[in-house]
Amino acid sequence: MDGTTLKHTAQWTAGLMDTLLRVLYPPLCMVCRAPGHDDLDICAPCRCELPWFTRGCRLCARVLPEGAGPVCGACLRRPPPFDATRAAFHYGPPLDRLVAAFKYRGRLAQGRLLAQLWTEALSAPTPLPDLILPVPLHPRRLRERGFNQALELARPLARTLDIPLAPALIRRVVPTPPQQTLRGRERRRNVRHAFEIAPVLAAHPPRSVALVDDVMTTGSTVDEIARVLKRAGVERVEVWVLARA
């Protein structure tokens, strides 16, 4: 049996197993436990209730008042070091419960659902970035949590858009306290000098990258990473987040 036949056989077997699992364990809505819709673990009414992202600042994705221009006042006064932010959702119910279950209780099934919804809602930017970089966790935090939520969300985006995923090119080198426990200025101080890039990226910086994270609140983390990347010679840094708080 040649390599092509083996590949097709493996794909057919995987498809059959997935079909059997769906028959034995049909999808249930992770929000209300009703039957899932469209082969997803969320029902149609709950999917409609998700806080899909509508309109925000082109640079930081803050909600803009009706009639405002494309850039918010804060970014006009102090432009961020990144060039654009793309969000799939606003951060609110019932999405916040799914994110919390995924991120803090290790419910990877919720993470898969969030990634599926994000991928389906994704409109590909033009031109595409050269690399996707998930926001890294410090090794100590990674051992505690067991997974990097940004990496789990980034994988299907990279596959869908056919963009190389490069999680090892940016590292968190300072074990900072969790950002959600801090206020705005404290968050900025907390992540200062917390990241470094791999030598290969410094030697051959890509023209453009997309930073992927789960939730953007003050933007302090992606601010700091974008500064590091720009100093290394990256021309354009976009921030792609599941949700904007």
Protein backbone atom coordinates (compact mmCIF):
# COMPACT_ATOMS: atom_id res chain seq x y z
CA MET A 1 0.00 0.00 0.00
CA ASP A 2 1.57 3.31 -1.10
CA GLY A 3 1.70 6.54 0.90
CA THR A 4 -1.26 8.17 -0.85
CA THR A 5 -3.48 5.15 -0.21
CA LEU A 6 -2.43 5.05 3.43
CA LYS A 7 -3.25 8.74 3.80
CA HIS A 8 -6.70 8.32 2.24
CA THR A 9 -7.37 5.24 4.40
CA ALA A 10 -6.40 7.13 7.55
CA GLN A 11 -8.65 10.06 6.57
CA TRP A 12 -11.57 7.70 5.84
CA THR A 13 -11.07 5.91 9.17
CA ALA A 14 -10.92 9.18 11.07
CA GLY A 15 -14.11 10.37 9.35
CA LEU A 16 -15.89 7.12 10.17
CA MET A 17 -14.86 7.29 13.84
CA ASP A 18 -16.03 10.89 14.06
CA THR A 19 -19.40 9.93 12.55
CA LEU A 20 -19.80 7.02 14.98
CA LEU A 21 -18.97 9.22 17.96
CA ARG A 22 -21.51 11.81 16.83
CA VAL A 23 -24.17 9.08 16.52
CA LEU A 24 -23.36 7.62 19.94
CA TYR A 25 -22.81 11.00 21.60
CA PRO A 26 -24.83 13.64 19.72
CA PRO A 27 -23.76 17.25 20.34
CA LEU A 28 -25.28 19.01 23.34
CA CYS A 29 -25.29 22.75 23.87
CA MET A 30 -22.57 23.70 26.36
CA VAL A 31 -24.64 26.67 27.49
CA CYS A 32 -28.13 25.24 28.07
CA ARG A 33 -27.74 21.44 27.43
CA ALA A 34 -30.28 21.45 24.58
CA PRO A 35 -29.41 19.44 21.44
CA GLY A 36 -26.58 21.01 19.49
CA HIS A 37 -27.07 22.61 16.10
CA ASP A 38 -25.13 22.25 12.86
CA ASP A 39 -22.92 19.53 14.39
CA LEU A 40 -21.64 21.94 17.07
CA ASP A 41 -21.93 21.74 20.84
CA ILE A 42 -24.17 24.80 20.96
CA CYS A 43 -27.83 25.21 20.04
CA ALA A 44 -29.07 27.76 17.51
CA PRO A 45 -30.71 30.10 20.09
CA CYS A 46 -27.59 30.19 22.31
CA ARG A 47 -25.39 30.73 19.28
CA CYS A 48 -27.51 33.74 18.36
CA GLU A 49 -27.15 35.04 21.93
CA LEU A 50 -23.36 35.05 21.74
CA PRO A 51 -21.94 38.60 21.80
CA TRP A 52 -20.57 38.58 18.26
CA PHE A 53 -18.19 41.46 17.57
CA THR A 54 -19.85 44.21 15.57
CA ARG A 55 -17.87 47.42 15.36
CA GLY A 56 -14.85 48.71 17.22
CA CYS A 57 -11.73 50.79 16.92
CA ARG A 58 -9.59 49.65 13.98
CA LEU A 59 -6.48 49.71 16.15
CA CYS A 60 -7.58 48.36 19.56
CA ALA A 61 -11.16 47.06 18.96
CA ARG A 62 -12.70 49.18 21.76
CA VAL A 63 -16.43 49.69 21.24
CA LEU A 64 -17.08 52.93 19.37
CA PRO A 65 -20.08 55.21 19.84
CA GLU A 66 -22.51 55.63 16.97
CA GLY A 67 -21.17 57.99 14.35
CA ALA A 68 -17.56 57.82 15.54
CA GLY A 69 -14.62 57.47 13.18
CA PRO A 70 -12.62 54.25 12.70
CA VAL A 71 -10.13 54.97 15.51
CA CYS A 72 -11.00 55.65 19.16
CA GLY A 73 -9.85 58.73 21.05
CA ALA A 74 -7.38 56.81 23.19
CA CYS A 75 -5.57 55.42 20.12
CA LEU A 76 -5.57 58.84 18.44
CA ARG A 77 -3.87 60.31 21.53
CA ARG A 78 -1.48 57.39 22.05
CA PRO A 79 -1.32 54.94 19.12
CA PRO A 80 -0.54 51.37 20.22
CA PRO A 81 2.60 49.61 18.99
CA PHE A 82 0.49 47.12 17.02
CA ASP A 83 -1.23 47.99 13.76
CA ALA A 84 -4.73 46.49 14.03
CA THR A 85 -6.93 44.33 16.25
CA ARG A 86 -9.41 41.75 15.01
CA ALA A 87 -11.92 40.26 17.49
CA ALA A 88 -14.56 37.58 16.98
CA PHE A 89 -16.68 38.49 20.05
CA HIS A 90 -17.25 41.11 22.67
CA TYR A 91 -16.51 39.64 26.10
CA GLY A 92 -19.85 39.01 27.77
CA PRO A 93 -22.40 36.30 28.59
CA PRO A 94 -22.68 33.50 27.71
CA LEU A 95 -19.25 33.55 26.04
CA ASP A 96 -17.50 34.50 29.29
CA ARG A 97 -18.65 31.26 30.94
CA LEU A 98 -17.29 29.17 28.08
CA VAL A 99 -13.94 31.00 28.19
CA ALA A 100 -13.66 30.61 31.98
CA ALA A 101 -14.44 26.89 31.82
CA PHE A 102 -11.82 26.41 29.11
CA LYS A 103 -9.09 28.60 30.56
CA TYR A 104 -9.37 28.05 34.30
CA ARG A 105 -11.02 24.64 34.65
CA GLY A 106 -9.28 22.85 31.79
CA ARG A 107 -12.45 22.12 29.82
CA LEU A 108 -10.79 21.57 26.46
CA ALA A 109 -14.13 20.74 24.81
CA GLN A 110 -15.20 24.34 25.43
CA GLY A 111 -11.94 25.45 23.85
CA ARG A 112 -12.64 23.37 20.74
CA LEU A 113 -16.11 24.90 20.44
CA LEU A 114 -14.72 28.43 20.81
CA ALA A 115 -12.08 27.70 18.16
CA GLN A 116 -14.73 26.29 15.79
CA LEU A 117 -16.94 29.36 16.22
CA TRP A 118 -14.00 31.71 15.73
CA THR A 119 -12.84 29.89 12.60
CA GLU A 120 -16.31 29.92 11.08
CA ALA A 121 -16.71 33.65 11.77
CA LEU A 122 -13.24 34.49 10.48
CA SER A 123 -12.90 36.78 7.50
CA ALA A 124 -9.40 36.41 6.15
CA PRO A 125 -7.36 39.64 6.13
CA THR A 126 -5.64 40.77 2.96
CA PRO A 127 -2.74 40.30 2.76
CA LEU A 128 -2.33 37.42 5.17
CA PRO A 129 0.36 37.69 7.87
CA ASP A 130 3.52 35.63 7.41
CA LEU A 131 3.25 33.92 10.81
CA ILE A 132 0.77 33.30 13.62
CA LEU A 133 2.26 33.70 17.10
CA PRO A 134 0.15 32.61 20.08
CA VAL A 135 0.76 34.72 23.19
CA PRO A 136 3.05 32.50 25.32
CA LEU A 137 2.71 31.37 28.91
CA HIS A 138 5.66 31.23 31.24
CA PRO A 139 6.87 27.59 31.59
CA ARG A 140 5.80 27.56 35.25
CA ARG A 141 2.25 28.65 34.37
CA LEU A 142 2.17 26.19 31.48
CA ARG A 143 3.04 23.33 33.87
CA GLU A 144 0.29 24.44 36.27
CA ARG A 145 -2.40 24.79 33.60
CA GLY A 146 -1.28 21.97 31.34
CA PHE A 147 -1.96 23.84 28.10
CA ASN A 148 -1.67 27.28 26.54
CA GLN A 149 -5.16 28.52 25.71
CA ALA A 150 -3.83 30.92 23.05
CA LEU A 151 -2.04 28.06 21.26
CA GLU A 152 -5.15 25.85 21.34
CA LEU A 153 -7.18 28.65 19.74
CA ALA A 154 -4.45 29.50 17.22
CA ARG A 155 -4.06 25.99 15.78
CA PRO A 156 -7.36 25.87 13.84
CA LEU A 157 -6.91 29.45 12.64
CA ALA A 158 -3.49 28.57 11.23
CA ARG A 159 -4.89 25.45 9.53
CA THR A 160 -7.87 27.28 8.04
CA LEU A 161 -5.82 30.17 6.68
CA ASP A 162 -2.78 28.02 5.82
CA ILE A 163 -0.42 30.29 7.77
CA PRO A 164 2.61 28.87 9.61
CA LEU A 165 2.11 28.63 13.37
CA ALA A 166 5.26 29.50 15.31
CA PRO A 167 4.70 29.16 19.08
CA ALA A 168 8.41 28.87 19.89
CA LEU A 169 9.46 32.23 18.40
CA ILE A 170 8.30 34.35 21.34
CA ARG A 171 8.92 33.36 24.97
CA ARG A 172 7.66 34.58 28.31
CA VAL A 173 10.77 34.79 30.46
CA VAL A 174 9.39 36.45 33.62
CA PRO A 175 6.79 34.56 35.76
CA THR A 176 4.48 37.53 36.26
CA PRO A 177 1.29 37.48 38.39
CA PRO A 178 -1.96 36.91 36.43
CA GLN A 179 -3.06 40.08 34.64
CA GLN A 180 -6.69 39.77 35.75
CA THR A 181 -5.63 40.44 39.35
CA LEU A 182 -4.15 43.85 38.45
CA ARG A 183 -5.32 47.29 37.37
CA GLY A 184 -4.35 49.11 34.16
CA ARG A 185 -1.02 50.69 35.14
CA GLU A 186 -0.08 47.65 37.20
CA ARG A 187 -0.74 45.44 34.16
CA ARG A 188 1.65 47.49 32.04
CA ARG A 189 4.39 47.34 34.67
CA ASN A 190 3.71 43.64 35.22
CA VAL A 191 4.59 42.62 31.65
CA ARG A 192 7.49 45.02 31.07
CA HIS A 193 10.54 43.02 29.91
CA ALA A 194 8.52 39.79 30.34
CA PHE A 195 8.98 38.59 26.74
CA GLU A 196 11.88 37.83 24.45
CA ILE A 197 12.10 36.57 20.89
CA ALA A 198 13.99 33.54 19.62
CA PRO A 199 17.33 34.24 17.88
CA VAL A 200 16.02 32.88 14.57
CA LEU A 201 13.26 35.51 14.50
CA ALA A 202 15.73 38.25 15.40
CA ALA A 203 18.02 37.11 12.60
CA HIS A 204 15.25 36.78 10.00
CA PRO A 205 12.24 38.87 11.09
CA PRO A 206 9.04 38.24 9.13
CA ARG A 207 7.37 41.20 7.50
CA SER A 208 4.07 40.70 9.34
CA VAL A 209 2.70 38.55 12.17
CA ALA A 210 -0.61 37.96 13.92
CA LEU A 211 -0.55 37.68 17.71
CA VAL A 212 -3.33 35.36 18.92
CA ASP A 213 -4.84 35.48 22.41
CA ASP A 214 -8.11 34.56 24.10
CA VAL A 215 -9.31 37.83 25.69
CA MET A 216 -7.98 41.38 25.32
CA THR A 217 -8.73 43.67 28.26
CA THR A 218 -6.31 46.59 28.59
CA GLY A 219 -4.03 45.31 25.85
CA SER A 220 -0.92 45.53 28.05
CA THR A 221 0.34 42.05 27.15
CA VAL A 222 0.03 42.45 23.39
CA ASP A 223 1.42 46.00 23.69
CA GLU A 224 4.62 44.66 25.21
CA ILE A 225 4.97 41.78 22.73
CA ALA A 226 4.32 44.11 19.79
CA ARG A 227 7.08 46.44 21.01
CA VAL A 228 9.52 43.53 21.19
CA LEU A 229 8.58 42.38 17.69
CA LYS A 230 8.82 45.86 16.18
CA ARG A 231 12.27 46.38 17.76
CA ALA A 232 13.31 43.09 16.11
CA GLY A 233 12.33 44.41 12.69
CA VAL A 234 8.77 43.10 12.18
CA GLU A 235 6.98 45.70 10.07
CA ARG A 236 3.33 44.90 10.88
CA VAL A 237 1.83 43.32 14.00
CA GLU A 238 -1.88 42.48 14.11
CA VAL A 239 -3.65 41.30 17.25
CA TRP A 240 -6.25 38.56 16.78
CA VAL A 241 -8.35 37.88 19.87
CA LEU A 242 -11.30 35.63 20.52
CA ALA A 243 -12.97 38.37 22.57
CA ARG A 244 -12.48 42.05 23.38
CA ALA A 245 -13.44 43.11 26.90
